[in-house]
Each structure stands twice: as C-alpha cells, then as structure tokens.
C-alpha cells in the first residue's frame, strides 16, 4: 500500500479538491447534507469572512499516490485563545477514508503546525468562528443531518480515539414533535413573564427593522452576551455582526424570528430564530447553486416547505434567564409553525452541560436525536 502524503492547499485547484472531497466521500449517503460550494469557499476568503481577521488557517489534503483520501483545516483562533487564556489549535473540515494512517497523518499535520505556532493543545472539530458547524457525530448516524451541522461516518470517532484523542465536551441535538396547540404550561408561564418582567413580543418588519432600526445589530449583541459563558466562545466583532446581519438575516422568514423586548425601553432580552429545513433540497442540488440550485433552494425556503423546521438559536439575556422568556418565545412560534405546516423541529447542537437550554423542551414531546463531540489532545 502506498504511503500517505500530506500536501498544503495552495492553489485554486487544490481548494477545489478540498471542497469536492466531501461530496465524493458522501455521495449517495441518505444522511449527509452537503454544504454549498460557495459557502465553503467563502469561509476561507478574507474578503468574505470577517473571522479571518483574528484567525490563522492552514488547509491540508491527504494523498495516496494521485488520489485524495482526506482533508483537514488547521485553525488558530487568537481571539478565543485570549478570551479563555488557552493555546489551542483547532481542527475542522475534517474528512477521511476508513484508514487510520490517513486519519493520523491529517491530525499530525495540524498538530505540527500548531506546535510550531506555540500552541500547547489541539481540539475539534471546530470552525473558524462559533457560527461554524462544531462537533464530530458520535450518535445518530442513521438520521439525516441538518443544514448547519456536520455529518460523518461511524468510523470517524473510532479512529480518533484509536490515535489518542479523548473527549473534550459533547453537544446534543433535540428533535421534537410540534404540538397542535400551545402547551398549557407555556401559556401560564408566558402570562406570568409578561406581567412580572414587563416584556412583550416584537415581530420584525423586514429590512426596515433589521437595518434602519438596528434590530439586526441588537440581536447579535444579545447573542454575544448570552453565549459568552459557553465552551470556547469568543465575542463576535463589529465586522462579523455586520456580515451576518447583511448576508444571513435577510434570508430568514421574519415570521420565524421572535424577539422579546422590555415594555419601557424596548431593550432586546430574548430572541428565537428558526428556518424551514431544506436538507432534502440541499441533497438534490449537491452543493451547486447554478444553474438551477438557487431556484430550488428559494422554493424550499419560501413556498414549498419540507416537513421540518430547524431551531437555529435561542438566546436570552443573562439576567432574564430562568424567568420563562423561552416559554414566551414558543407561545409565539408554535402557532406560526402549525400555520406553515411544520410537523417536527430539531435544535442546533446544545452543550450537554447547558441544563438551562435543555430544560426549555420539558413541556414538548422530544428526544435526543444526535450527539456530537469535541475531541482534544495535548501537543
């Protein structure tokens, strides 16, 4: 058998191989959801990704002869390391054939690069920033992924552990049936919250609210504050926030964005953002927007929804947590989900230690659908 050779991604041709390896490896999988080619390419473009202002990134491909058999990104997020007083190099965008030497060689390339940069530990899969997909799937291999998470084959974690990587922390993803009516407990808590905390629901009126009235900026400021204690989180910069507000929020159906703000000052203290699941459509377009992929995706987002909705994020201002703000969010969203014909909902990954986040589902029929892991190792 030929030895494994690691080569750095340097040219546009290399980048094309880096992106397409994932498509090739998971071709025909009923569970993998491919990223859009343009999204992956933009992630590593400093003009398109504000996170690269404070991150060093190095991409590698693994070859056996002339065949690509694996890929990996090495990332040093200086902002996160400063926030948490760490010297971590991250790995992300990791894919490999079922071969321990390929797995070991890819991780070694990132380990060596991180060590040369003065890092003392490695962990991942993590993204360039906290808005990127995180965690290697360790349970739920027989369920279709979501549009904002990673899917991987069952041999991935087995090989990771075989080469000496251990658990850093786990995330879980909840899947729930959408109730036909608002659970009575939510109603009661919602009414109490509005009276005691003097808050109300605010629905956004398109671009005027997002941009002219600054709600887009205020939502991401809240996310920064609410997520600050979470594993490895680093505060989003102004340029990142500007990028997310401009590029992503306009794509969201405003009916599926719920904001809780105070009665007296209209301070944003809670937000829930969701989107129709478009995973089946992403599988059909196979990462390509052109010539007709964009039209299929727009159709899935705007007119012909799939059966499910993805709960992208819920954020509550720290001093309002444990006061029932989440119940108020779902009192608004559940009737909207029913009106739009959704039958189920799935969360983005939540840290297993985030008991507050998991407690919000207790009044809805739910199950743990998937579990994913951040692996770590000392260098």
Protein backbone atom coordinates (compact mmCIF):
# COMPACT_ATOMS: atom_id res chain seq x y z
CA UNK A 1 0.00 0.00 0.00
CA UNK A 2 1.25 3.48 -0.89
CA UNK A 3 2.23 5.80 1.93
CA UNK A 4 0.09 8.79 2.90
CA UNK A 5 1.40 12.14 1.69
CA UNK A 6 0.15 15.42 3.18
CA UNK A 7 0.11 18.48 0.92
CA UNK A 8 -0.86 22.02 1.82
CA UNK A 9 -3.73 23.62 -0.10
CA UNK A 10 -2.12 26.42 -2.11
CA UNK A 11 -3.81 26.83 -5.49
CA UNK A 12 -7.41 27.23 -6.65
CA UNK A 13 -7.19 23.69 -7.99
CA UNK A 14 -6.18 22.48 -4.51
CA UNK A 15 -9.15 24.31 -2.99
CA UNK A 16 -11.49 22.69 -5.48
CA UNK A 17 -10.17 19.27 -4.46
CA UNK A 18 -10.53 20.22 -0.78
CA UNK A 19 -14.22 21.08 -1.22
CA UNK A 20 -15.16 18.28 -3.59
CA UNK A 21 -13.59 15.53 -1.47
CA UNK A 22 -16.50 15.78 0.97
CA UNK A 23 -19.04 15.49 -1.85
CA UNK A 24 -17.28 12.44 -3.25
CA UNK A 25 -16.89 10.69 0.12
CA UNK A 26 -20.58 11.07 0.97
CA UNK A 27 -22.04 10.64 -2.49
CA UNK A 28 -25.19 8.54 -2.19
CA UNK A 29 -25.43 8.81 1.60
CA UNK A 30 -29.07 9.29 2.65
CA UNK A 31 -27.97 11.12 5.82
CA UNK A 32 -25.21 13.53 4.77
CA UNK A 33 -26.23 17.08 3.83
CA UNK A 34 -23.68 18.74 1.52
CA UNK A 35 -22.50 22.30 2.11
CA UNK A 36 -22.89 24.78 -0.70
CA UNK A 37 -19.62 25.03 -2.62
CA UNK A 38 -19.74 28.82 -2.44
CA UNK A 39 -20.18 28.81 1.34
CA UNK A 40 -17.11 26.64 1.92
CA UNK A 41 -15.02 28.71 -0.49
CA UNK A 42 -16.12 31.97 1.17
CA UNK A 43 -15.21 30.62 4.62
CA UNK A 44 -11.53 30.73 3.64
CA UNK A 45 -11.67 34.07 1.81
CA UNK A 46 -10.58 37.04 3.99
CA UNK A 47 -12.80 39.37 1.93
CA UNK A 48 -15.85 37.23 2.68
CA UNK A 49 -15.19 36.00 6.24
CA UNK A 50 -14.60 38.62 8.92
CA UNK A 51 -13.44 35.87 11.29
CA UNK A 52 -10.17 35.56 9.36
CA UNK A 53 -9.10 38.93 10.80
CA UNK A 54 -8.18 37.16 14.05
CA UNK A 55 -7.58 33.58 12.89
CA UNK A 56 -4.68 31.80 11.22
CA UNK A 57 -5.79 28.99 8.91
CA UNK A 58 -3.89 26.25 7.10
CA UNK A 59 -5.58 23.67 4.85
CA UNK A 60 -4.20 20.21 4.07
CA UNK A 61 -5.03 17.33 1.73
CA UNK A 62 -4.01 13.70 2.22
CA UNK A 63 -2.97 11.70 -0.85
CA UNK A 64 -2.24 8.08 -1.64
CA UNK A 65 -0.50 8.36 -4.96
CA UNK A 66 -2.56 10.78 -7.03
CA UNK A 67 -5.81 10.12 -5.14
CA UNK A 68 -7.14 12.49 -2.46
CA UNK A 69 -8.07 10.39 0.58
CA UNK A 70 -8.62 13.06 3.25
CA UNK A 71 -8.75 16.75 4.12
CA UNK A 72 -8.42 18.95 7.22
CA UNK A 73 -8.25 22.59 8.25
CA UNK A 74 -5.94 23.82 10.98
CA UNK A 75 -7.18 26.96 12.75
CA UNK A 76 -5.74 29.20 15.45
CA UNK A 77 -8.46 31.50 16.76
CA UNK A 78 -6.39 34.10 18.60
CA UNK A 79 -9.50 35.85 19.91
CA UNK A 80 -10.85 32.69 21.55
CA UNK A 81 -7.43 31.79 22.95
CA UNK A 82 -7.12 35.24 24.52
CA UNK A 83 -10.66 35.08 25.95
CA UNK A 84 -10.09 31.69 27.60
CA UNK A 85 -6.36 32.06 28.27
CA UNK A 86 -5.61 28.99 26.14
CA UNK A 87 -3.09 27.98 23.49
CA UNK A 88 -5.33 25.79 21.36
CA UNK A 89 -5.01 24.97 17.70
CA UNK A 90 -8.34 23.82 16.27
CA UNK A 91 -9.03 21.31 13.55
CA UNK A 92 -12.09 21.45 11.36
CA UNK A 93 -13.45 20.45 7.94
CA UNK A 94 -12.01 17.01 8.62
CA UNK A 95 -12.90 14.10 6.33
CA UNK A 96 -11.04 10.89 5.59
CA UNK A 97 -11.48 7.39 4.24
CA UNK A 98 -11.69 4.48 6.69
CA UNK A 99 -7.93 4.29 7.21
CA UNK A 100 -6.15 5.00 10.48
CA UNK A 101 -2.95 6.16 8.76
CA UNK A 102 -4.87 8.79 6.81
CA UNK A 103 -6.59 9.98 9.98
CA UNK A 104 -3.31 10.08 11.93
CA UNK A 105 -1.42 11.87 9.15
CA UNK A 106 -4.05 14.59 8.78
CA UNK A 107 -4.15 15.33 12.51
CA UNK A 108 -0.37 15.21 12.75
CA UNK A 109 -0.11 17.91 10.09
CA UNK A 110 -2.28 20.25 12.19
CA UNK A 111 -0.54 19.23 15.43
CA UNK A 112 2.90 20.03 13.97
CA UNK A 113 1.71 23.35 12.54
CA UNK A 114 0.09 24.31 15.86
CA UNK A 115 3.18 23.34 17.81
CA UNK A 116 5.33 25.47 15.51
CA UNK A 117 2.97 28.37 16.24
CA UNK A 118 3.44 27.95 20.00
CA UNK A 119 0.19 26.09 20.74
CA UNK A 120 0.10 23.51 23.54
CA UNK A 121 -3.19 21.70 22.84
CA UNK A 122 -5.47 20.74 19.96
CA UNK A 123 -9.24 20.34 19.84
CA UNK A 124 -12.06 19.98 17.34
CA UNK A 125 -13.87 19.66 15.07
CA UNK A 126 -14.45 23.39 15.48
CA UNK A 127 -14.89 26.16 12.96
CA UNK A 128 -13.08 29.37 12.28
CA UNK A 129 -15.68 31.06 14.49
CA UNK A 130 -18.53 29.93 16.72
CA UNK A 131 -21.08 30.37 13.92
CA UNK A 132 -19.49 27.46 12.00
CA UNK A 133 -20.54 23.81 12.48
CA UNK A 134 -18.94 22.15 15.51
CA UNK A 135 -18.52 18.63 16.85
CA UNK A 136 -17.98 15.14 15.42
CA UNK A 137 -21.08 12.97 15.31
CA UNK A 138 -20.87 10.05 17.76
CA UNK A 139 -24.58 9.07 17.94
CA UNK A 140 -27.38 9.40 15.40
CA UNK A 141 -25.60 8.13 12.29
CA UNK A 142 -28.89 6.80 10.89
CA UNK A 143 -30.62 10.21 10.93
CA UNK A 144 -30.38 12.88 8.29
CA UNK A 145 -28.24 15.83 9.27
CA UNK A 146 -29.28 19.45 9.46
CA UNK A 147 -28.13 22.28 7.22
CA UNK A 148 -25.88 23.79 9.88
CA UNK A 149 -24.22 20.68 11.36
CA UNK A 150 -21.58 18.13 10.40
CA UNK A 151 -22.36 14.58 9.32
CA UNK A 152 -19.68 11.91 9.47
CA UNK A 153 -19.43 8.13 9.19
CA UNK A 154 -19.31 5.96 12.37
CA UNK A 155 -15.64 5.08 11.81
CA UNK A 156 -14.53 8.69 12.41
CA UNK A 157 -14.76 8.70 16.24
CA UNK A 158 -13.36 5.16 16.43
CA UNK A 159 -10.22 6.20 14.60
CA UNK A 160 -9.93 9.45 16.55
CA UNK A 161 -9.89 7.55 19.82
CA UNK A 162 -7.52 4.93 18.41
CA UNK A 163 -4.89 7.63 17.74
CA UNK A 164 -5.12 9.06 21.25
CA UNK A 165 -7.80 11.75 21.14
CA UNK A 166 -10.21 11.98 24.07
CA UNK A 167 -13.47 13.70 24.89
CA UNK A 168 -13.38 17.44 25.44
CA UNK A 169 -17.10 18.10 25.60
CA UNK A 170 -20.30 16.85 23.95
CA UNK A 171 -23.23 18.58 22.31
CA UNK A 172 -26.71 17.12 21.93
CA UNK A 173 -29.43 17.86 19.38
CA UNK A 174 -33.10 17.60 20.31
CA UNK A 175 -35.87 16.57 17.93
CA UNK A 176 -39.48 17.26 18.89
CA UNK A 177 -42.99 16.98 17.56
CA UNK A 178 -44.61 20.37 17.15
CA UNK A 179 -47.76 20.39 19.33
CA UNK A 180 -51.03 21.31 17.64
CA UNK A 181 -51.76 23.84 20.36
CA UNK A 182 -49.61 25.80 22.78
CA UNK A 183 -48.95 23.65 25.87
CA UNK A 184 -50.91 25.00 28.83
CA UNK A 185 -47.74 25.30 30.90
CA UNK A 186 -46.19 27.58 28.28
CA UNK A 187 -49.31 29.77 28.31
CA UNK A 188 -49.29 30.15 32.08
CA UNK A 189 -45.58 30.87 32.27
CA UNK A 190 -45.82 33.29 29.34
CA UNK A 191 -48.55 35.32 31.00
CA UNK A 192 -46.62 35.47 34.27
CA UNK A 193 -43.41 36.53 32.48
CA UNK A 194 -45.11 39.37 30.62
CA UNK A 195 -46.60 40.71 33.85
CA UNK A 196 -43.63 40.27 36.19
CA UNK A 197 -40.76 41.11 33.83
CA UNK A 198 -42.72 43.74 31.90
CA UNK A 199 -41.79 42.41 28.46
CA UNK A 200 -43.61 41.82 25.19
CA UNK A 201 -43.20 40.06 21.84
CA UNK A 202 -41.78 42.04 18.94
CA UNK A 203 -42.06 40.81 15.34
CA UNK A 204 -39.69 42.30 12.80
CA UNK A 205 -40.97 44.22 9.81
CA UNK A 206 -38.38 43.22 7.24
CA UNK A 207 -35.41 45.35 6.28
CA UNK A 208 -36.68 48.49 7.98
CA UNK A 209 -36.45 46.89 11.41
CA UNK A 210 -33.30 44.92 10.58
CA UNK A 211 -31.24 47.81 9.32
CA UNK A 212 -32.86 51.22 9.88
CA UNK A 213 -34.00 50.48 13.43
CA UNK A 214 -30.94 48.39 14.27
CA UNK A 215 -32.63 45.17 15.38
CA UNK A 216 -30.12 43.04 13.45
CA UNK A 217 -27.23 44.56 15.40
CA UNK A 218 -29.14 44.31 18.69
CA UNK A 219 -29.93 40.63 18.16
CA UNK A 220 -26.25 39.76 17.66
CA UNK A 221 -25.21 41.92 20.61
CA UNK A 222 -27.60 39.83 22.70
CA UNK A 223 -26.12 36.59 21.31
CA UNK A 224 -22.64 37.79 22.31
CA UNK A 225 -23.85 38.42 25.84
CA UNK A 226 -25.91 35.25 26.22
CA UNK A 227 -23.32 32.89 24.74
CA UNK A 228 -20.26 34.36 26.49
CA UNK A 229 -20.00 31.52 29.08
CA UNK A 230 -20.31 28.70 26.50
CA UNK A 231 -17.39 26.42 25.61
CA UNK A 232 -14.73 28.20 23.58
CA UNK A 233 -16.99 31.13 22.66
CA UNK A 234 -15.38 34.40 21.59
CA UNK A 235 -17.34 37.60 21.19
CA UNK A 236 -18.27 38.47 17.61
CA UNK A 237 -16.60 41.58 16.26
CA UNK A 238 -18.48 44.50 14.73
CA UNK A 239 -17.43 43.40 11.26
CA UNK A 240 -18.66 39.85 11.90
CA UNK A 241 -22.01 41.17 13.12
CA UNK A 242 -22.31 43.45 10.11
CA UNK A 243 -21.58 40.47 7.85
CA UNK A 244 -24.15 38.20 9.49
CA UNK A 245 -26.85 40.88 9.53
CA UNK A 246 -26.27 41.73 5.89
CA UNK A 247 -25.82 38.23 4.45
CA UNK A 248 -27.94 35.89 6.56
CA UNK A 249 -30.79 37.62 8.35
CA UNK A 250 -32.48 38.84 5.12
CA UNK A 251 -32.79 35.17 4.07
CA UNK A 252 -34.84 34.33 7.17
CA UNK A 253 -38.64 34.40 7.05
CA UNK A 254 -39.44 37.16 9.56
CA UNK A 255 -42.46 35.21 10.79
CA UNK A 256 -39.95 32.73 12.23
CA UNK A 257 -37.96 35.34 14.14
CA UNK A 258 -39.37 36.19 17.57
CA UNK A 259 -37.93 38.90 19.77
CA UNK A 260 -38.75 39.64 23.40
CA UNK A 261 -38.16 43.23 24.48
CA UNK A 262 -38.88 45.31 27.56
CA UNK A 263 -42.04 47.42 27.75
CA UNK A 264 -40.35 50.64 28.84
CA UNK A 265 -37.08 50.85 26.87
CA UNK A 266 -37.59 48.22 24.12
CA UNK A 267 -34.35 46.53 25.15
CA UNK A 268 -33.95 43.16 23.40
CA UNK A 269 -33.75 40.48 26.12
CA UNK A 270 -34.62 37.34 24.16
CA UNK A 271 -34.63 36.02 20.60
CA UNK A 272 -35.57 32.83 18.80
CA UNK A 273 -34.58 32.31 15.16
CA UNK A 274 -35.69 29.35 13.06
CA UNK A 275 -35.77 28.34 9.40
CA UNK A 276 -37.54 25.70 7.32
CA UNK A 277 -35.41 22.58 6.93
CA UNK A 278 -34.01 22.45 3.41
CA UNK A 279 -31.84 19.36 3.84
CA UNK A 280 -33.57 17.29 1.14
CA UNK A 281 -33.19 20.16 -1.30
CA UNK A 282 -29.51 20.58 -0.40
CA UNK A 283 -29.01 16.89 -1.14
CA UNK A 284 -30.63 17.35 -4.57
CA UNK A 285 -28.56 20.37 -5.59
CA UNK A 286 -25.33 18.64 -4.45
CA UNK A 287 -23.62 21.84 -3.34
CA UNK A 288 -24.27 23.73 -6.56
CA UNK A 289 -26.25 26.97 -6.78
CA UNK A 290 -26.04 27.14 -10.57
CA UNK A 291 -27.70 26.78 -12.94
CA UNK A 292 -30.90 25.89 -11.03
CA UNK A 293 -29.81 25.12 -7.45
CA UNK A 294 -30.62 28.64 -6.21
CA UNK A 295 -34.17 28.36 -7.56
CA UNK A 296 -34.76 25.03 -5.79
CA UNK A 297 -33.42 26.43 -2.52
CA UNK A 298 -35.54 29.58 -2.79
CA UNK A 299 -38.59 27.44 -3.48
CA UNK A 300 -37.87 25.29 -0.40
CA UNK A 301 -37.37 28.36 1.79
CA UNK A 302 -40.28 30.48 0.61
CA UNK A 303 -43.06 28.37 -0.84
CA UNK A 304 -42.85 24.57 -0.69
CA UNK A 305 -41.52 23.80 2.77
CA UNK A 306 -40.27 20.42 3.90
CA UNK A 307 -42.00 18.95 6.98
CA UNK A 308 -39.46 20.19 9.49
CA UNK A 309 -38.11 23.37 10.97
CA UNK A 310 -34.62 23.95 12.34
CA UNK A 311 -34.34 25.95 15.55
CA UNK A 312 -31.16 27.83 14.71
CA UNK A 313 -30.73 29.62 18.00
CA UNK A 314 -32.37 30.80 21.19
CA UNK A 315 -30.62 33.49 23.22
CA UNK A 316 -31.74 35.16 26.44
CA UNK A 317 -30.04 37.99 28.28
CA UNK A 318 -28.28 36.52 31.37
CA UNK A 319 -30.32 38.42 33.97
CA UNK A 320 -33.55 37.23 32.31
CA UNK A 321 -32.58 33.56 32.14
CA UNK A 322 -34.67 31.14 34.23
CA UNK A 323 -37.54 33.63 34.18
CA UNK A 324 -39.62 31.96 31.47
CA UNK A 325 -38.58 34.03 28.45
CA UNK A 326 -38.26 30.81 26.42
CA UNK A 327 -41.91 29.97 27.09
CA UNK A 328 -42.89 33.36 25.71
CA UNK A 329 -40.88 32.69 22.55
CA UNK A 330 -42.62 29.39 21.94
CA UNK A 331 -46.07 30.78 22.67
CA UNK A 332 -45.46 32.93 19.61
CA UNK A 333 -43.69 30.38 17.40
CA UNK A 334 -45.84 27.24 17.87
CA UNK A 335 -48.96 28.69 16.17
CA UNK A 336 -46.76 30.00 13.34
CA UNK A 337 -45.13 26.60 12.86
CA UNK A 338 -48.59 24.98 12.66
CA UNK A 339 -49.86 27.60 10.24
CA UNK A 340 -46.87 26.94 7.98
CA UNK A 341 -47.45 23.17 8.09
CA UNK A 342 -44.37 22.03 10.01
CA UNK A 343 -44.62 18.71 11.86
CA UNK A 344 -41.30 18.47 13.68
CA UNK A 345 -38.45 20.66 14.85
CA UNK A 346 -34.78 19.99 15.51
CA UNK A 347 -32.37 22.11 17.51
CA UNK A 348 -28.84 23.08 16.68
CA UNK A 349 -26.26 21.43 18.96
CA UNK A 350 -26.56 22.38 22.64
CA UNK A 351 -23.79 21.75 25.13
CA UNK A 352 -24.54 18.75 27.33
CA UNK A 353 -23.75 20.98 30.31
CA UNK A 354 -26.33 23.59 29.25
CA UNK A 355 -29.13 22.48 31.58
CA UNK A 356 -30.98 25.77 31.09
CA UNK A 357 -31.16 25.24 27.35
CA UNK A 358 -32.33 21.65 27.67
CA UNK A 359 -34.99 22.44 30.29
CA UNK A 360 -36.98 24.51 27.81
CA UNK A 361 -38.16 21.37 25.97
CA UNK A 362 -39.69 19.66 29.01
CA UNK A 363 -43.29 20.55 28.07
CA UNK A 364 -42.97 19.24 24.48
CA UNK A 365 -42.62 15.63 23.32
CA UNK A 366 -38.91 15.34 22.48
CA UNK A 367 -35.91 13.03 22.24
CA UNK A 368 -32.15 13.29 21.88
CA UNK A 369 -31.65 12.81 18.15
CA UNK A 370 -27.88 13.15 17.86
CA UNK A 371 -24.81 13.56 19.99
CA UNK A 372 -21.53 15.05 18.82
CA UNK A 373 -18.14 15.50 20.42
CA UNK A 374 -15.25 17.92 20.57
CA UNK A 375 -12.07 15.87 20.84
CA UNK A 376 -8.88 17.15 22.44
CA UNK A 377 -5.23 16.19 22.90
CA UNK A 378 -2.13 17.74 24.42
CA UNK A 379 0.65 18.52 21.97
